Amino acid sequence: MARFAPGEAVHVQDRHPAGHLRTPAYCRGKRGVVERICGSFGQPESYGFGGDGKPFQPLYRVRFEQARIWPDYDGPATDTVEIEIFEHWLDPAG
């Protein structure tokens, strides 16, 4: 069962563990909004080390304002970027 719903604000955890990661460094520590729930899938960190991917995790498409990702972004304020992020990397945004 998914912890977050479309339209809900989330915060990407700012972790930098060693190993195989599937969350881009440029979005860590940033706030976005869940655009959709993509389904549940095996954890890529587990697969990266020969594991079975369990427990499966919900995968979300999260929308970010580009200016929140890149502080020097000088494009239109309405520009966004969407990134698919697993639930174990997300917290509720306060």
PDB file of N, CA and C in Angstrom:
ATOM      1  N   MET A   1       0.835  -1.188   0.000  1.00  0.00           N
ATOM      2  CA  MET A   1       0.000   0.000   0.000  1.00  0.00           C
ATOM      3  C   MET A   1       0.879   1.250   0.000  1.00  0.00           C
ATOM      4  N   ALA A   2       0.548   2.190  -0.850  1.00  0.00           N
ATOM      5  CA  ALA A   2       1.329   3.408  -0.993  1.00  0.00           C
ATOM      6  C   ALA A   2       1.109   4.344   0.191  1.00  0.00           C
ATOM      7  N   ARG A   3       2.186   4.918   0.668  1.00  0.00           N
ATOM      8  CA  ARG A   3       2.148   5.845   1.798  1.00  0.00           C
ATOM      9  C   ARG A   3       1.697   7.246   1.375  1.00  0.00           C
ATOM     10  N   PHE A   4       2.001   7.628   0.131  1.00  0.00           N
ATOM     11  CA  PHE A   4       1.709   8.971  -0.358  1.00  0.00           C
ATOM     12  C   PHE A   4       0.690   8.922  -1.494  1.00  0.00           C
ATOM     13  N   ALA A   5      -0.064   9.999  -1.642  1.00  0.00           N
ATOM     14  CA  ALA A   5      -1.094  10.091  -2.673  1.00  0.00           C
ATOM     15  C   ALA A   5      -0.714  11.167  -3.693  1.00  0.00           C
ATOM     16  N   PRO A   6      -1.225  11.057  -4.915  1.00  0.00           N
ATOM     17  CA  PRO A   6      -0.989  12.126  -5.889  1.00  0.00           C
ATOM     18  C   PRO A   6      -1.429  13.475  -5.319  1.00  0.00           C
ATOM     19  N   GLY A   7      -0.600  14.492  -5.569  1.00  0.00           N
ATOM     20  CA  GLY A   7      -0.861  15.832  -5.065  1.00  0.00           C
ATOM     21  C   GLY A   7      -0.225  16.109  -3.717  1.00  0.00           C
ATOM     22  N   GLU A   8       0.300  15.075  -3.057  1.00  0.00           N
ATOM     23  CA  GLU A   8       0.903  15.238  -1.729  1.00  0.00           C
ATOM     24  C   GLU A   8       2.348  15.703  -1.850  1.00  0.00           C
ATOM     25  N   ALA A   9       2.725  16.671  -1.007  1.00  0.00           N
ATOM     26  CA  ALA A   9       4.095  17.172  -0.978  1.00  0.00           C
ATOM     27  C   ALA A   9       4.990  16.182  -0.246  1.00  0.00           C
ATOM     28  N   VAL A  10       6.171  15.949  -0.812  1.00  0.00           N
ATOM     29  CA  VAL A  10       7.139  15.028  -0.224  1.00  0.00           C
ATOM     30  C   VAL A  10       8.512  15.675  -0.212  1.00  0.00           C
ATOM     31  N   HIS A  11       9.369  15.126   0.612  1.00  0.00           N
ATOM     32  CA  HIS A  11      10.753  15.580   0.749  1.00  0.00           C
ATOM     33  C   HIS A  11      11.649  14.374   0.475  1.00  0.00           C
ATOM     34  N   VAL A  12      12.602  14.532  -0.425  1.00  0.00           N
ATOM     35  CA  VAL A  12      13.540  13.450  -0.732  1.00  0.00           C
ATOM     36  C   VAL A  12      14.619  13.438   0.336  1.00  0.00           C
ATOM     37  N   GLN A  13      14.845  12.278   0.917  1.00  0.00           N
ATOM     38  CA  GLN A  13      15.864  12.163   1.956  1.00  0.00           C
ATOM     39  C   GLN A  13      17.233  12.528   1.388  1.00  0.00           C
ATOM     40  N   ASP A  14      18.030  13.170   2.206  1.00  0.00           N
ATOM     41  CA  ASP A  14      19.366  13.607   1.800  1.00  0.00           C
ATOM     42  C   ASP A  14      20.401  12.639   2.353  1.00  0.00           C
ATOM     43  N   ARG A  15      20.349  11.412   1.847  1.00  0.00           N
ATOM     44  CA  ARG A  15      21.285  10.376   2.275  1.00  0.00           C
ATOM     45  C   ARG A  15      22.325  10.163   1.180  1.00  0.00           C
ATOM     46  N   HIS A  16      23.482   9.747   1.585  1.00  0.00           N
ATOM     47  CA  HIS A  16      24.560   9.470   0.631  1.00  0.00           C
ATOM     48  C   HIS A  16      25.259   8.160   1.008  1.00  0.00           C
ATOM     49  N   PRO A  17      24.487   7.078   1.078  1.00  0.00           N
ATOM     50  CA  PRO A  17      25.113   5.802   1.438  1.00  0.00           C
ATOM     51  C   PRO A  17      25.998   5.286   0.302  1.00  0.00           C
ATOM     52  N   ALA A  18      26.910   4.425   0.658  1.00  0.00           N
ATOM     53  CA  ALA A  18      27.762   3.795  -0.357  1.00  0.00           C
ATOM     54  C   ALA A  18      26.940   2.769  -1.123  1.00  0.00           C
ATOM     55  N   GLY A  19      27.289   2.569  -2.364  1.00  0.00           N
ATOM     56  CA  GLY A  19      26.669   1.497  -3.123  1.00  0.00           C
ATOM     57  C   GLY A  19      25.800   1.966  -4.265  1.00  0.00           C
ATOM     58  N   HIS A  20      25.024   1.034  -4.763  1.00  0.00           N
ATOM     59  CA  HIS A  20      24.175   1.229  -5.939  1.00  0.00           C
ATOM     60  C   HIS A  20      22.895   1.960  -5.548  1.00  0.00           C
ATOM     61  N   LEU A  21      22.713   3.184  -6.034  1.00  0.00           N
ATOM     62  CA  LEU A  21      21.536   3.985  -5.694  1.00  0.00           C
ATOM     63  C   LEU A  21      20.775   4.357  -6.953  1.00  0.00           C
ATOM     64  N   ARG A  22      19.478   4.523  -6.819  1.00  0.00           N
ATOM     65  CA  ARG A  22      18.648   4.897  -7.958  1.00  0.00           C
ATOM     66  C   ARG A  22      17.927   6.215  -7.722  1.00  0.00           C
ATOM     67  N   THR A  23      18.405   7.002  -6.790  1.00  0.00           N
ATOM     68  CA  THR A  23      17.850   8.326  -6.549  1.00  0.00           C
ATOM     69  C   THR A  23      18.915   9.350  -6.913  1.00  0.00           C
ATOM     70  N   PRO A  24      18.653  10.202  -7.896  1.00  0.00           N
ATOM     71  CA  PRO A  24      19.676  11.156  -8.317  1.00  0.00           C
ATOM     72  C   PRO A  24      20.116  12.079  -7.182  1.00  0.00           C
ATOM     73  N   ALA A  25      21.400  12.319  -7.111  1.00  0.00           N
ATOM     74  CA  ALA A  25      21.943  13.176  -6.058  1.00  0.00           C
ATOM     75  C   ALA A  25      21.366  14.590  -6.129  1.00  0.00           C
ATOM     76  N   TYR A  26      21.068  15.075  -7.327  1.00  0.00           N
ATOM     77  CA  TYR A  26      20.600  16.460  -7.455  1.00  0.00           C
ATOM     78  C   TYR A  26      19.207  16.689  -6.877  1.00  0.00           C
ATOM     79  N   CYS A  27      18.437  15.627  -6.605  1.00  0.00           N
ATOM     80  CA  CYS A  27      17.107  15.847  -6.018  1.00  0.00           C
ATOM     81  C   CYS A  27      17.080  15.535  -4.522  1.00  0.00           C
ATOM     82  N   ARG A  28      18.175  15.028  -3.969  1.00  0.00           N
ATOM     83  CA  ARG A  28      18.197  14.715  -2.536  1.00  0.00           C
ATOM     84  C   ARG A  28      18.121  15.994  -1.720  1.00  0.00           C
ATOM     85  N   GLY A  29      17.274  15.950  -0.682  1.00  0.00           N
ATOM     86  CA  GLY A  29      17.069  17.117   0.168  1.00  0.00           C
ATOM     87  C   GLY A  29      16.060  18.112  -0.401  1.00  0.00           C
ATOM     88  N   LYS A  30      15.459  17.794  -1.537  1.00  0.00           N
ATOM     89  CA  LYS A  30      14.542  18.719  -2.197  1.00  0.00           C
ATOM     90  C   LYS A  30      13.086  18.333  -1.945  1.00  0.00           C
ATOM     91  N   ARG A  31      12.201  19.312  -2.100  1.00  0.00           N
ATOM     92  CA  ARG A  31      10.756  19.130  -1.923  1.00  0.00           C
ATOM     93  C   ARG A  31      10.091  19.058  -3.283  1.00  0.00           C
ATOM     94  N   GLY A  32       9.159  18.113  -3.419  1.00  0.00           N
ATOM     95  CA  GLY A  32       8.397  17.976  -4.648  1.00  0.00           C
ATOM     96  C   GLY A  32       6.977  17.544  -4.334  1.00  0.00           C
ATOM     97  N   VAL A  33       6.226  17.256  -5.373  1.00  0.00           N
ATOM     98  CA  VAL A  33       4.836  16.843  -5.234  1.00  0.00           C
ATOM     99  C   VAL A  33       4.635  15.539  -6.000  1.00  0.00           C
ATOM    100  N   VAL A  34       3.969  14.574  -5.367  1.00  0.00           N
ATOM    101  CA  VAL A  34       3.698  13.303  -6.034  1.00  0.00           C
ATOM    102  C   VAL A  34       2.770  13.559  -7.216  1.00  0.00           C
ATOM    103  N   GLU A  35       3.223  13.169  -8.395  1.00  0.00           N
ATOM    104  CA  GLU A  35       2.422  13.316  -9.604  1.00  0.00           C
ATOM    105  C   GLU A  35       1.563  12.070  -9.806  1.00  0.00           C
ATOM    106  N   ARG A  36       2.155  10.896  -9.549  1.00  0.00           N
ATOM    107  CA  ARG A  36       1.411   9.637  -9.670  1.00  0.00           C
ATOM    108  C   ARG A  36       2.141   8.510  -8.958  1.00  0.00           C
ATOM    109  N   ILE A  37       1.398   7.455  -8.686  1.00  0.00           N
ATOM    110  CA  ILE A  37       1.970   6.213  -8.155  1.00  0.00           C
ATOM    111  C   ILE A  37       2.154   5.296  -9.354  1.00  0.00           C
ATOM    112  N   CYS A  38       3.363   4.827  -9.560  1.00  0.00           N
ATOM    113  CA  CYS A  38       3.683   4.021 -10.741  1.00  0.00           C
ATOM    114  C   CYS A  38       3.467   2.522 -10.521  1.00  0.00           C
ATOM    115  N   GLY A  39       3.326   2.095  -9.269  1.00  0.00           N
ATOM    116  CA  GLY A  39       3.194   0.676  -8.946  1.00  0.00           C
ATOM    117  C   GLY A  39       4.223   0.299  -7.899  1.00  0.00           C
ATOM    118  N   SER A  40       4.314  -0.993  -7.599  1.00  0.00           N
ATOM    119  CA  SER A  40       5.323  -1.486  -6.654  1.00  0.00           C
ATOM    120  C   SER A  40       6.313  -2.359  -7.399  1.00  0.00           C
ATOM    121  N   PHE A  41       7.580  -2.166  -7.056  1.00  0.00           N
ATOM    122  CA  PHE A  41       8.655  -2.852  -7.762  1.00  0.00           C
ATOM    123  C   PHE A  41       9.748  -3.242  -6.770  1.00  0.00           C
ATOM    124  N   GLY A  42      10.619  -4.132  -7.213  1.00  0.00           N
ATOM    125  CA  GLY A  42      11.758  -4.525  -6.392  1.00  0.00           C
ATOM    126  C   GLY A  42      12.708  -3.366  -6.205  1.00  0.00           C
ATOM    127  N   GLN A  43      13.358  -3.354  -5.051  1.00  0.00           N
ATOM    128  CA  GLN A  43      14.287  -2.268  -4.723  1.00  0.00           C
ATOM    129  C   GLN A  43      15.556  -2.390  -5.563  1.00  0.00           C
ATOM    130  N   PRO A  44      15.884  -1.371  -6.331  1.00  0.00           N
ATOM    131  CA  PRO A  44      17.080  -1.439  -7.168  1.00  0.00           C
ATOM    132  C   PRO A  44      18.369  -1.555  -6.359  1.00  0.00           C
ATOM    133  N   GLU A  45      18.377  -1.000  -5.136  1.00  0.00           N
ATOM    134  CA  GLU A  45      19.588  -1.148  -4.314  1.00  0.00           C
ATOM    135  C   GLU A  45      19.837  -2.616  -4.009  1.00  0.00           C
ATOM    136  N   SER A  46      18.782  -3.375  -3.779  1.00  0.00           N
ATOM    137  CA  SER A  46      18.918  -4.812  -3.532  1.00  0.00           C
ATOM    138  C   SER A  46      19.401  -5.527  -4.787  1.00  0.00           C
ATOM    139  N   TYR A  47      18.752  -5.253  -5.916  1.00  0.00           N
ATOM    140  CA  TYR A  47      19.149  -5.890  -7.175  1.00  0.00           C
ATOM    141  C   TYR A  47      20.605  -5.578  -7.519  1.00  0.00           C
ATOM    142  N   GLY A  48      21.051  -4.373  -7.219  1.00  0.00           N
ATOM    143  CA  GLY A  48      22.413  -3.962  -7.538  1.00  0.00           C
ATOM    144  C   GLY A  48      23.471  -4.783  -6.839  1.00  0.00           C
ATOM    145  N   PHE A  49      23.087  -5.454  -5.741  1.00  0.00           N
ATOM    146  CA  PHE A  49      24.030  -6.292  -5.003  1.00  0.00           C
ATOM    147  C   PHE A  49      23.650  -7.763  -5.074  1.00  0.00           C
ATOM    148  N   GLY A  50      22.878  -8.141  -6.118  1.00  0.00           N
ATOM    149  CA  GLY A  50      22.527  -9.542  -6.326  1.00  0.00           C
ATOM    150  C   GLY A  50      21.360 -10.028  -5.495  1.00  0.00           C
ATOM    151  N   GLY A  51      20.631  -9.121  -4.833  1.00  0.00           N
ATOM    152  CA  GLY A  51      19.490  -9.507  -4.003  1.00  0.00           C
ATOM    153  C   GLY A  51      18.230  -9.742  -4.823  1.00  0.00           C
ATOM    154  N   ASP A  52      17.150 -10.030  -4.126  1.00  0.00           N
ATOM    155  CA  ASP A  52      15.882 -10.352  -4.784  1.00  0.00           C
ATOM    156  C   ASP A  52      14.932  -9.153  -4.890  1.00  0.00           C
ATOM    157  N   GLY A  53      15.358  -7.971  -4.412  1.00  0.00           N
ATOM    158  CA  GLY A  53      14.535  -6.770  -4.523  1.00  0.00           C
ATOM    159  C   GLY A  53      13.486  -6.620  -3.447  1.00  0.00           C
ATOM    160  N   LYS A  54      13.381  -7.591  -2.562  1.00  0.00           N
ATOM    161  CA  LYS A  54      12.327  -7.550  -1.539  1.00  0.00           C
ATOM    162  C   LYS A  54      12.786  -6.775  -0.318  1.00  0.00           C
ATOM    163  N   PRO A  55      11.864  -6.143   0.372  1.00  0.00           N
ATOM    164  CA  PRO A  55      10.447  -6.057   0.047  1.00  0.00           C
ATOM    165  C   PRO A  55      10.212  -5.070  -1.087  1.00  0.00           C
ATOM    166  N   PHE A  56       9.239  -5.375  -1.954  1.00  0.00           N
ATOM    167  CA  PHE A  56       8.896  -4.466  -3.036  1.00  0.00           C
ATOM    168  C   PHE A  56       8.434  -3.139  -2.435  1.00  0.00           C
ATOM    169  N   GLN A  57       8.683  -2.065  -3.163  1.00  0.00           N
ATOM    170  CA  GLN A  57       8.382  -0.707  -2.695  1.00  0.00           C
ATOM    171  C   GLN A  57       7.536   0.030  -3.723  1.00  0.00           C
ATOM    172  N   PRO A  58       6.615   0.882  -3.274  1.00  0.00           N
ATOM    173  CA  PRO A  58       5.916   1.754  -4.215  1.00  0.00           C
ATOM    174  C   PRO A  58       6.918   2.708  -4.875  1.00  0.00           C
ATOM    175  N   LEU A  59       6.684   2.942  -6.149  1.00  0.00           N
ATOM    176  CA  LEU A  59       7.487   3.880  -6.930  1.00  0.00           C
ATOM    177  C   LEU A  59       6.581   5.048  -7.307  1.00  0.00           C
ATOM    178  N   TYR A  60       7.063   6.258  -7.082  1.00  0.00           N
ATOM    179  CA  TYR A  60       6.286   7.471  -7.341  1.00  0.00           C
ATOM    180  C   TYR A  60       6.964   8.296  -8.425  1.00  0.00           C
ATOM    181  N   ARG A  61       6.161   8.985  -9.208  1.00  0.00           N
ATOM    182  CA  ARG A  61       6.697  10.029 -10.072  1.00  0.00           C
ATOM    183  C   ARG A  61       6.485  11.328  -9.317  1.00  0.00           C
ATOM    184  N   VAL A  62       7.595  12.011  -9.016  1.00  0.00           N
ATOM    185  CA  VAL A  62       7.561  13.228  -8.217  1.00  0.00           C
ATOM    186  C   VAL A  62       7.937  14.408  -9.112  1.00  0.00           C
ATOM    187  N   ARG A  63       7.132  15.454  -9.036  1.00  0.00           N
ATOM    188  CA  ARG A  63       7.357  16.661  -9.836  1.00  0.00           C
ATOM    189  C   ARG A  63       8.047  17.718  -8.970  1.00  0.00           C
ATOM    190  N   PHE A  64       9.090  18.300  -9.529  1.00  0.00           N
ATOM    191  CA  PHE A  64       9.850  19.349  -8.859  1.00  0.00           C
ATOM    192  C   PHE A  64       9.860  20.600  -9.725  1.00  0.00           C
ATOM    193  N   GLU A  65       9.768  21.747  -9.084  1.00  0.00           N
ATOM    194  CA  GLU A  65      10.025  22.998  -9.802  1.00  0.00           C
ATOM    195  C   GLU A  65      11.520  23.030 -10.091  1.00  0.00           C
ATOM    196  N   GLN A  66      11.879  23.336 -11.323  1.00  0.00           N
ATOM    197  CA  GLN A  66      13.300  23.287 -11.671  1.00  0.00           C
ATOM    198  C   GLN A  66      14.133  24.242 -10.822  1.00  0.00           C
ATOM    199  N   ALA A  67      13.564  25.369 -10.443  1.00  0.00           N
ATOM    200  CA  ALA A  67      14.308  26.322  -9.612  1.00  0.00           C
ATOM    201  C   ALA A  67      14.610  25.749  -8.226  1.00  0.00           C
ATOM    202  N   ARG A  68      13.811  24.778  -7.758  1.00  0.00           N
ATOM    203  CA  ARG A  68      14.102  24.122  -6.470  1.00  0.00           C
ATOM    204  C   ARG A  68      15.246  23.125  -6.608  1.00  0.00           C
ATOM    205  N   ILE A  69      15.419  22.587  -7.802  1.00  0.00           N
ATOM    206  CA  ILE A  69      16.489  21.614  -8.046  1.00  0.00           C
ATOM    207  C   ILE A  69      17.808  22.329  -8.319  1.00  0.00           C
ATOM    208  N   TRP A  70      17.760  23.326  -9.193  1.00  0.00           N
ATOM    209  CA  TRP A  70      18.954  24.062  -9.586  1.00  0.00           C
ATOM    210  C   TRP A  70      18.754  25.527  -9.222  1.00  0.00           C
ATOM    211  N   PRO A  71      19.363  26.004  -8.136  1.00  0.00           N
ATOM    212  CA  PRO A  71      19.148  27.381  -7.660  1.00  0.00           C
ATOM    213  C   PRO A  71      19.463  28.461  -8.706  1.00  0.00           C
ATOM    214  N   ASP A  72      20.375  28.180  -9.628  1.00  0.00           N
ATOM    215  CA  ASP A  72      20.737  29.174 -10.646  1.00  0.00           C
ATOM    216  C   ASP A  72      19.887  29.060 -11.909  1.00  0.00           C
ATOM    217  N   TYR A  73      18.859  28.234 -11.861  1.00  0.00           N
ATOM    218  CA  TYR A  73      18.006  28.046 -13.043  1.00  0.00           C
ATOM    219  C   TYR A  73      17.348  29.365 -13.414  1.00  0.00           C
ATOM    220  N   ASP A  74      17.477  29.766 -14.682  1.00  0.00           N
ATOM    221  CA  ASP A  74      16.920  31.057 -15.083  1.00  0.00           C
ATOM    222  C   ASP A  74      15.813  30.924 -16.124  1.00  0.00           C
ATOM    223  N   GLY A  75      15.259  29.739 -16.258  1.00  0.00           N
ATOM    224  CA  GLY A  75      14.139  29.532 -17.164  1.00  0.00           C
ATOM    225  C   GLY A  75      12.830  29.963 -16.524  1.00  0.00           C
ATOM    226  N   PRO A  76      11.731  29.729 -17.227  1.00  0.00           N
ATOM    227  CA  PRO A  76      10.418  30.098 -16.690  1.00  0.00           C
ATOM    228  C   PRO A  76      10.130  29.428 -15.349  1.00  0.00           C
ATOM    229  N   ALA A  77       9.494  30.143 -14.454  1.00  0.00           N
ATOM    230  CA  ALA A  77       9.169  29.628 -13.119  1.00  0.00           C
ATOM    231  C   ALA A  77       8.241  28.424 -13.185  1.00  0.00           C
ATOM    232  N   THR A  78       7.556  28.246 -14.295  1.00  0.00           N
ATOM    233  CA  THR A  78       6.620  27.120 -14.438  1.00  0.00           C
ATOM    234  C   THR A  78       7.296  25.836 -14.907  1.00  0.00           C
ATOM    235  N   ASP A  79       8.586  25.873 -15.230  1.00  0.00           N
ATOM    236  CA  ASP A  79       9.292  24.675 -15.686  1.00  0.00           C
ATOM    237  C   ASP A  79       9.437  23.669 -14.552  1.00  0.00           C
ATOM    238  N   THR A  80       9.186  22.419 -14.885  1.00  0.00           N
ATOM    239  CA  THR A  80       9.290  21.347 -13.896  1.00  0.00           C
ATOM    240  C   THR A  80      10.122  20.194 -14.448  1.00  0.00           C
ATOM    241  N   VAL A  81      10.527  19.321 -13.550  1.00  0.00           N
ATOM    242  CA  VAL A  81      11.184  18.069 -13.903  1.00  0.00           C
ATOM    243  C   VAL A  81      10.505  16.984 -13.074  1.00  0.00           C
ATOM    244  N   GLU A  82      10.290  15.822 -13.672  1.00  0.00           N
ATOM    245  CA  GLU A  82       9.668  14.699 -12.967  1.00  0.00           C
ATOM    246  C   GLU A  82      10.671  13.567 -12.852  1.00  0.00           C
ATOM    247  N   ILE A  83      10.744  12.998 -11.641  1.00  0.00           N
ATOM    248  CA  ILE A  83      11.708  11.947 -11.343  1.00  0.00           C
ATOM    249  C   ILE A  83      10.971  10.809 -10.656  1.00  0.00           C
ATOM    250  N   GLU A  84      11.257   9.583 -11.045  1.00  0.00           N
ATOM    251  CA  GLU A  84      10.651   8.433 -10.375  1.00  0.00           C
ATOM    252  C   GLU A  84      11.526   8.038  -9.193  1.00  0.00           C
ATOM    253  N   ILE A  85      10.886   7.998  -8.010  1.00  0.00           N
ATOM    254  CA  ILE A  85      11.612   7.791  -6.755  1.00  0.00           C
ATOM    255  C   ILE A  85      10.867   6.757  -5.913  1.00  0.00           C
ATOM    256  N   PHE A  86      11.615   5.815  -5.347  1.00  0.00           N
ATOM    257  CA  PHE A  86      11.013   4.791  -4.491  1.00  0.00           C
ATOM    258  C   PHE A  86      10.644   5.383  -3.136  1.00  0.00           C
ATOM    259  N   GLU A  87       9.605   4.786  -2.537  1.00  0.00           N
ATOM    260  CA  GLU A  87       9.046   5.274  -1.283  1.00  0.00           C
ATOM    261  C   GLU A  87      10.061   5.374  -0.156  1.00  0.00           C
ATOM    262  N   HIS A  88      10.996   4.428  -0.079  1.00  0.00           N
ATOM    263  CA  HIS A  88      11.936   4.447   1.041  1.00  0.00           C
ATOM    264  C   HIS A  88      12.910   5.620   0.987  1.00  0.00           C
ATOM    265  N   TRP A  89      12.830   6.435  -0.048  1.00  0.00           N
ATOM    266  CA  TRP A  89      13.631   7.657  -0.142  1.00  0.00           C
ATOM    267  C   TRP A  89      12.810   8.908   0.161  1.00  0.00           C
ATOM    268  N   LEU A  90      11.525   8.756   0.457  1.00  0.00           N
ATOM    269  CA  LEU A  90      10.645   9.920   0.640  1.00  0.00           C
ATOM    270  C   LEU A  90      10.114  10.056   2.056  1.00  0.00           C
ATOM    271  N   ASP A  91       9.948  11.285   2.472  1.00  0.00           N
ATOM    272  CA  ASP A  91       9.299  11.635   3.743  1.00  0.00           C
ATOM    273  C   ASP A  91       8.203  12.649   3.434  1.00  0.00           C
ATOM    274  N   PRO A  92       7.214  12.775   4.331  1.00  0.00           N
ATOM    275  CA  PRO A  92       6.220  13.833   4.128  1.00  0.00           C
ATOM    276  C   PRO A  92       6.903  15.200   4.219  1.00  0.00           C
ATOM    277  N   ALA A  93       6.480  16.133   3.384  1.00  0.00           N
ATOM    278  CA  ALA A  93       7.020  17.496   3.452  1.00  0.00           C
ATOM    279  C   ALA A  93       6.190  18.283   4.460  1.00  0.00           C
ATOM    280  N   GLY A  94       6.859  18.960   5.342  1.00  0.00           N
ATOM    281  CA  GLY A  94       6.189  19.711   6.385  1.00  0.00           C
ATOM    282  C   GLY A  94       5.733  21.066   5.999  1.00  0.00           C
TER     283      GLY A  94
END
